């Protein structure tokens, strides 16, 4: 509060934080509300982003490059579109998309 002095450090910290939260803080939004504010993505946008990846880049967890998936686009487009659209509506990515395979290579002398 204006004109108030504090002798205890914790009181000073709480006053400082409270002042700036009131000054700068806004209404907190729920993450579900944030998702509803995100415009839906179209199949055309998904395809464009997908086809902008260079052919020999972005190996998937199975080792296939983007070129392989582009060649199979007519077969897999529905599944890819559903996964991407689910991300934008639910807010979660399929666990398999972020999976990483590690291979331990033994050191030889």
C-alpha atoms as a PDB file:
ATOM      1  CA  UNK A   1       0.000   0.000   0.000  1.00  0.00           C
ATOM      2  CA  UNK A   2       1.113   3.504  -0.670  1.00  0.00           C
ATOM      3  CA  UNK A   3       2.729   5.137   2.341  1.00  0.00           C
ATOM      4  CA  UNK A   4       3.186   1.858   4.188  1.00  0.00           C
ATOM      5  CA  UNK A   5       6.626   0.802   5.349  1.00  0.00           C
ATOM      6  CA  UNK A   6       7.694  -2.702   6.276  1.00  0.00           C
ATOM      7  CA  UNK A   7      10.509  -3.797   8.526  1.00  0.00           C
ATOM      8  CA  UNK A   8      10.341  -7.535   7.835  1.00  0.00           C
ATOM      9  CA  UNK A   9      11.864  -8.756   4.569  1.00  0.00           C
ATOM     10  CA  UNK A  10       8.989 -11.173   3.853  1.00  0.00           C
ATOM     11  CA  UNK A  11       6.411  -8.386   4.269  1.00  0.00           C
ATOM     12  CA  UNK A  12       8.392  -6.205   1.857  1.00  0.00           C
ATOM     13  CA  UNK A  13       8.576  -9.010  -0.700  1.00  0.00           C
ATOM     14  CA  UNK A  14       4.842  -9.722  -0.457  1.00  0.00           C
ATOM     15  CA  UNK A  15       4.018  -6.021  -0.823  1.00  0.00           C
ATOM     16  CA  UNK A  16       6.318  -5.702  -3.844  1.00  0.00           C
ATOM     17  CA  UNK A  17       4.919  -8.788  -5.574  1.00  0.00           C
ATOM     18  CA  UNK A  18       1.327  -7.801  -4.796  1.00  0.00           C
ATOM     19  CA  UNK A  19       1.826  -4.295  -6.165  1.00  0.00           C
ATOM     20  CA  UNK A  20       3.220  -5.491  -9.481  1.00  0.00           C
ATOM     21  CA  UNK A  21       0.689  -8.301  -9.822  1.00  0.00           C
ATOM     22  CA  UNK A  22      -2.075  -5.748  -9.483  1.00  0.00           C
ATOM     23  CA  UNK A  23      -0.317  -3.311 -11.816  1.00  0.00           C
ATOM     24  CA  UNK A  24       0.672  -5.750 -14.560  1.00  0.00           C
ATOM     25  CA  UNK A  25      -1.545  -8.740 -13.997  1.00  0.00           C
ATOM     26  CA  UNK A  26      -4.647  -9.368 -15.926  1.00  0.00           C
ATOM     27  CA  UNK A  27      -7.429 -11.813 -15.700  1.00  0.00           C
ATOM     28  CA  UNK A  28      -6.090 -15.353 -15.803  1.00  0.00           C
ATOM     29  CA  UNK A  29      -7.500 -17.416 -18.626  1.00  0.00           C
ATOM     30  CA  UNK A  30      -8.082 -21.108 -18.555  1.00  0.00           C
ATOM     31  CA  UNK A  31      -6.020 -23.149 -21.033  1.00  0.00           C
ATOM     32  CA  UNK A  32      -9.284 -24.480 -22.491  1.00  0.00           C
ATOM     33  CA  UNK A  33     -10.328 -20.901 -23.240  1.00  0.00           C
ATOM     34  CA  UNK A  34      -6.934 -20.294 -24.880  1.00  0.00           C
ATOM     35  CA  UNK A  35      -7.485 -23.309 -27.127  1.00  0.00           C
ATOM     36  CA  UNK A  36     -10.879 -21.976 -28.175  1.00  0.00           C
ATOM     37  CA  UNK A  37      -9.233 -18.684 -29.167  1.00  0.00           C
ATOM     38  CA  UNK A  38      -6.837 -20.502 -31.500  1.00  0.00           C
ATOM     39  CA  UNK A  39      -8.268 -20.605 -35.014  1.00  0.00           C
ATOM     40  CA  UNK A  40      -8.717 -24.045 -36.530  1.00  0.00           C
ATOM     41  CA  UNK A  41      -6.017 -25.093 -38.943  1.00  0.00           C
ATOM     42  CA  UNK A  42      -6.993 -26.267 -42.417  1.00  0.00           C
ATOM     43  CA  UNK A  43      -5.870 -29.336 -44.338  1.00  0.00           C
ATOM     44  CA  UNK A  44      -4.278 -27.009 -46.901  1.00  0.00           C
ATOM     45  CA  UNK A  45      -2.152 -25.347 -44.182  1.00  0.00           C
ATOM     46  CA  UNK A  46      -1.076 -28.733 -42.840  1.00  0.00           C
ATOM     47  CA  UNK A  47      -0.148 -29.971 -46.311  1.00  0.00           C
ATOM     48  CA  UNK A  48       1.794 -26.793 -47.124  1.00  0.00           C
ATOM     49  CA  UNK A  49       3.787 -26.986 -43.883  1.00  0.00           C
ATOM     50  CA  UNK A  50       4.426 -30.671 -44.456  1.00  0.00           C
ATOM     51  CA  UNK A  51       5.568 -30.211 -48.043  1.00  0.00           C
ATOM     52  CA  UNK A  52       7.833 -27.285 -47.079  1.00  0.00           C
ATOM     53  CA  UNK A  53      10.110 -29.772 -45.273  1.00  0.00           C
ATOM     54  CA  UNK A  54      13.094 -30.726 -47.424  1.00  0.00           C
ATOM     55  CA  UNK A  55      13.001 -34.262 -48.850  1.00  0.00           C
ATOM     56  CA  UNK A  56      15.965 -35.623 -46.909  1.00  0.00           C
ATOM     57  CA  UNK A  57      15.187 -33.885 -43.607  1.00  0.00           C
ATOM     58  CA  UNK A  58      13.228 -34.694 -40.493  1.00  0.00           C
ATOM     59  CA  UNK A  59      13.711 -38.404 -40.079  1.00  0.00           C
ATOM     60  CA  UNK A  60      10.863 -39.931 -38.144  1.00  0.00           C
ATOM     61  CA  UNK A  61      11.326 -42.388 -35.286  1.00  0.00           C
ATOM     62  CA  UNK A  62      11.086 -45.156 -37.878  1.00  0.00           C
ATOM     63  CA  UNK A  63      13.969 -43.687 -39.898  1.00  0.00           C
ATOM     64  CA  UNK A  64      11.902 -42.599 -42.902  1.00  0.00           C
ATOM     65  CA  UNK A  65      12.567 -39.131 -44.300  1.00  0.00           C
ATOM     66  CA  UNK A  66      10.035 -36.456 -45.169  1.00  0.00           C
ATOM     67  CA  UNK A  67      10.325 -37.522 -48.831  1.00  0.00           C
ATOM     68  CA  UNK A  68       8.884 -40.933 -47.997  1.00  0.00           C
ATOM     69  CA  UNK A  69       5.892 -39.397 -46.260  1.00  0.00           C
ATOM     70  CA  UNK A  70       5.349 -36.920 -49.090  1.00  0.00           C
ATOM     71  CA  UNK A  71       5.235 -39.795 -51.577  1.00  0.00           C
ATOM     72  CA  UNK A  72       2.638 -41.528 -49.385  1.00  0.00           C
ATOM     73  CA  UNK A  73       0.630 -38.353 -48.727  1.00  0.00           C
ATOM     74  CA  UNK A  74      -2.528 -39.538 -50.505  1.00  0.00           C
ATOM     75  CA  UNK A  75      -2.603 -42.580 -48.219  1.00  0.00           C
ATOM     76  CA  UNK A  76      -1.679 -40.923 -44.910  1.00  0.00           C
ATOM     77  CA  UNK A  77      -3.143 -37.420 -45.252  1.00  0.00           C
ATOM     78  CA  UNK A  78      -6.227 -38.157 -43.130  1.00  0.00           C
ATOM     79  CA  UNK A  79      -4.182 -39.541 -40.230  1.00  0.00           C
ATOM     80  CA  UNK A  80      -1.660 -36.687 -40.347  1.00  0.00           C
ATOM     81  CA  UNK A  81      -4.432 -34.089 -40.520  1.00  0.00           C
ATOM     82  CA  UNK A  82      -6.291 -35.682 -37.595  1.00  0.00           C
ATOM     83  CA  UNK A  83      -3.154 -35.740 -35.430  1.00  0.00           C
ATOM     84  CA  UNK A  84      -2.352 -32.091 -36.175  1.00  0.00           C
ATOM     85  CA  UNK A  85      -5.948 -30.916 -35.710  1.00  0.00           C
ATOM     86  CA  UNK A  86      -6.198 -32.847 -32.427  1.00  0.00           C
ATOM     87  CA  UNK A  87      -3.103 -30.995 -31.238  1.00  0.00           C
ATOM     88  CA  UNK A  88      -4.797 -27.661 -31.895  1.00  0.00           C
ATOM     89  CA  UNK A  89      -8.148 -28.650 -30.347  1.00  0.00           C
ATOM     90  CA  UNK A  90      -7.033 -30.827 -27.415  1.00  0.00           C
ATOM     91  CA  UNK A  91      -3.664 -29.217 -26.789  1.00  0.00           C
ATOM     92  CA  UNK A  92      -1.699 -32.459 -26.665  1.00  0.00           C
ATOM     93  CA  UNK A  93       0.568 -34.132 -29.166  1.00  0.00           C
ATOM     94  CA  UNK A  94       0.518 -37.859 -29.713  1.00  0.00           C
ATOM     95  CA  UNK A  95       3.134 -39.495 -27.523  1.00  0.00           C
ATOM     96  CA  UNK A  96       4.537 -41.264 -30.573  1.00  0.00           C
ATOM     97  CA  UNK A  97       5.322 -37.959 -32.316  1.00  0.00           C
ATOM     98  CA  UNK A  98       7.789 -36.952 -29.620  1.00  0.00           C
ATOM     99  CA  UNK A  99       9.292 -40.421 -29.182  1.00  0.00           C
ATOM    100  CA  UNK A 100      13.029 -40.702 -29.591  1.00  0.00           C
ATOM    101  CA  UNK A 101      14.949 -43.856 -30.250  1.00  0.00           C
ATOM    102  CA  UNK A 102      18.406 -44.119 -28.747  1.00  0.00           C
ATOM    103  CA  UNK A 103      20.916 -46.749 -29.711  1.00  0.00           C
ATOM    104  CA  UNK A 104      23.846 -47.360 -27.399  1.00  0.00           C
ATOM    105  CA  UNK A 105      27.039 -48.004 -29.306  1.00  0.00           C
ATOM    106  CA  UNK A 106      29.652 -49.834 -27.248  1.00  0.00           C
ATOM    107  CA  UNK A 107      33.048 -48.202 -27.184  1.00  0.00           C
ATOM    108  CA  UNK A 108      35.843 -50.358 -28.537  1.00  0.00           C
ATOM    109  CA  UNK A 109      39.479 -49.638 -27.928  1.00  0.00           C
END
